[in-house]
């Protein structure tokens, strides 16, 4: 959804007049939406990881340790790359 807003805002930026102002706002809204959804994903990841480590989750989730590590690793690179963080 955030990518769609950014794409629409970028298209409006190519216009002239008032559409440039609207395009800036739509693109900024897309970036904010993307930031919020990514933050929500990170919160859920940490919450589930804590739940697994405390033993509140099913033993089947213990095998997800490698996946969680990969998600943390990729999240760190996304946070470093992204200028909005």
C-alpha atoms as a PDB file:
ATOM      1  CA  UNK A   1       0.000   0.000   0.000  1.00  0.00           C
ATOM      2  CA  UNK A   2       2.804   2.383   0.877  1.00  0.00           C
ATOM      3  CA  UNK A   3       4.532   1.640  -2.418  1.00  0.00           C
ATOM      4  CA  UNK A   4       1.338   2.458  -4.308  1.00  0.00           C
ATOM      5  CA  UNK A   5       1.093   5.835  -2.584  1.00  0.00           C
ATOM      6  CA  UNK A   6       4.728   6.574  -3.313  1.00  0.00           C
ATOM      7  CA  UNK A   7       4.257   5.601  -6.940  1.00  0.00           C
ATOM      8  CA  UNK A   8       1.162   7.800  -7.293  1.00  0.00           C
ATOM      9  CA  UNK A   9       2.956  10.692  -5.617  1.00  0.00           C
ATOM     10  CA  UNK A  10       5.933  10.304  -7.925  1.00  0.00           C
ATOM     11  CA  UNK A  11       3.655  10.329 -10.949  1.00  0.00           C
ATOM     12  CA  UNK A  12       1.972  13.508  -9.730  1.00  0.00           C
ATOM     13  CA  UNK A  13       5.379  15.108  -9.201  1.00  0.00           C
ATOM     14  CA  UNK A  14       5.989  14.832 -12.927  1.00  0.00           C
ATOM     15  CA  UNK A  15       3.058  17.183 -13.560  1.00  0.00           C
ATOM     16  CA  UNK A  16       3.100  20.918 -13.162  1.00  0.00           C
ATOM     17  CA  UNK A  17       1.325  23.446 -11.007  1.00  0.00           C
ATOM     18  CA  UNK A  18      -0.653  22.348  -7.983  1.00  0.00           C
ATOM     19  CA  UNK A  19      -0.176  18.645  -8.805  1.00  0.00           C
ATOM     20  CA  UNK A  20       3.474  18.919  -7.738  1.00  0.00           C
ATOM     21  CA  UNK A  21       2.384  19.974  -4.231  1.00  0.00           C
ATOM     22  CA  UNK A  22      -0.208  17.183  -4.087  1.00  0.00           C
ATOM     23  CA  UNK A  23       2.357  14.685  -5.385  1.00  0.00           C
ATOM     24  CA  UNK A  24       4.812  15.647  -2.640  1.00  0.00           C
ATOM     25  CA  UNK A  25       2.166  15.107   0.027  1.00  0.00           C
ATOM     26  CA  UNK A  26       1.006  11.776  -1.411  1.00  0.00           C
ATOM     27  CA  UNK A  27       4.598  10.509  -1.686  1.00  0.00           C
ATOM     28  CA  UNK A  28       5.309  11.633   1.883  1.00  0.00           C
ATOM     29  CA  UNK A  29       2.145   9.869   3.053  1.00  0.00           C
ATOM     30  CA  UNK A  30       3.350   6.703   1.321  1.00  0.00           C
ATOM     31  CA  UNK A  31       6.701   6.889   3.074  1.00  0.00           C
ATOM     32  CA  UNK A  32       4.997   7.407   6.435  1.00  0.00           C
ATOM     33  CA  UNK A  33       2.618   4.503   5.784  1.00  0.00           C
ATOM     34  CA  UNK A  34       5.529   2.274   4.838  1.00  0.00           C
ATOM     35  CA  UNK A  35       7.439   3.313   7.973  1.00  0.00           C
ATOM     36  CA  UNK A  36       4.445   2.579  10.220  1.00  0.00           C
ATOM     37  CA  UNK A  37       3.762  -0.823   8.668  1.00  0.00           C
ATOM     38  CA  UNK A  38       7.447  -1.791   8.937  1.00  0.00           C
ATOM     39  CA  UNK A  39       7.513  -0.664  12.561  1.00  0.00           C
ATOM     40  CA  UNK A  40       4.406  -2.742  13.275  1.00  0.00           C
ATOM     41  CA  UNK A  41       6.086  -5.760  11.680  1.00  0.00           C
ATOM     42  CA  UNK A  42       9.189  -5.271  13.845  1.00  0.00           C
ATOM     43  CA  UNK A  43       7.100  -4.982  17.015  1.00  0.00           C
ATOM     44  CA  UNK A  44       5.302  -8.227  16.188  1.00  0.00           C
ATOM     45  CA  UNK A  45       8.608  -9.943  15.431  1.00  0.00           C
ATOM     46  CA  UNK A  46      10.102  -8.931  18.783  1.00  0.00           C
ATOM     47  CA  UNK A  47       6.905  -9.855  20.656  1.00  0.00           C
ATOM     48  CA  UNK A  48       6.840 -13.331  19.139  1.00  0.00           C
ATOM     49  CA  UNK A  49      10.555 -13.829  19.688  1.00  0.00           C
ATOM     50  CA  UNK A  50      10.185 -12.949  23.369  1.00  0.00           C
ATOM     51  CA  UNK A  51       7.219 -15.300  23.633  1.00  0.00           C
ATOM     52  CA  UNK A  52       9.237 -18.146  22.132  1.00  0.00           C
ATOM     53  CA  UNK A  53      12.220 -17.490  24.399  1.00  0.00           C
ATOM     54  CA  UNK A  54      10.056 -17.413  27.526  1.00  0.00           C
ATOM     55  CA  UNK A  55       8.541 -20.752  26.594  1.00  0.00           C
ATOM     56  CA  UNK A  56       5.003 -19.456  26.094  1.00  0.00           C
ATOM     57  CA  UNK A  57       4.870 -20.690  22.523  1.00  0.00           C
ATOM     58  CA  UNK A  58       4.479 -24.141  21.076  1.00  0.00           C
ATOM     59  CA  UNK A  59       7.679 -26.242  20.870  1.00  0.00           C
ATOM     60  CA  UNK A  60       7.214 -26.360  17.103  1.00  0.00           C
ATOM     61  CA  UNK A  61       8.122 -22.683  16.966  1.00  0.00           C
ATOM     62  CA  UNK A  62      11.534 -23.421  18.454  1.00  0.00           C
ATOM     63  CA  UNK A  63      12.635 -24.508  14.988  1.00  0.00           C
ATOM     64  CA  UNK A  64      11.976 -20.976  13.737  1.00  0.00           C
ATOM     65  CA  UNK A  65      15.089 -19.634  15.429  1.00  0.00           C
ATOM     66  CA  UNK A  66      17.011 -19.455  12.143  1.00  0.00           C
ATOM     67  CA  UNK A  67      14.164 -17.616  10.432  1.00  0.00           C
ATOM     68  CA  UNK A  68      13.922 -15.093  13.263  1.00  0.00           C
ATOM     69  CA  UNK A  69      17.675 -14.511  13.087  1.00  0.00           C
ATOM     70  CA  UNK A  70      17.407 -13.899   9.339  1.00  0.00           C
ATOM     71  CA  UNK A  71      14.559 -11.443   9.896  1.00  0.00           C
ATOM     72  CA  UNK A  72      16.591  -9.513  12.474  1.00  0.00           C
ATOM     73  CA  UNK A  73      19.585  -9.493  10.149  1.00  0.00           C
ATOM     74  CA  UNK A  74      17.586  -8.204   7.181  1.00  0.00           C
ATOM     75  CA  UNK A  75      15.739  -5.684   9.376  1.00  0.00           C
ATOM     76  CA  UNK A  76      19.040  -4.217  10.482  1.00  0.00           C
ATOM     77  CA  UNK A  77      20.077  -3.658   6.861  1.00  0.00           C
ATOM     78  CA  UNK A  78      16.700  -2.152   5.982  1.00  0.00           C
ATOM     79  CA  UNK A  79      16.991   0.241   8.921  1.00  0.00           C
ATOM     80  CA  UNK A  80      20.505   1.301   7.917  1.00  0.00           C
ATOM     81  CA  UNK A  81      19.567   1.753   4.259  1.00  0.00           C
ATOM     82  CA  UNK A  82      16.348   3.636   4.878  1.00  0.00           C
ATOM     83  CA  UNK A  83      16.771   7.404   5.371  1.00  0.00           C
ATOM     84  CA  UNK A  84      13.443   7.626   7.226  1.00  0.00           C
ATOM     85  CA  UNK A  85      14.767   5.811  10.329  1.00  0.00           C
END
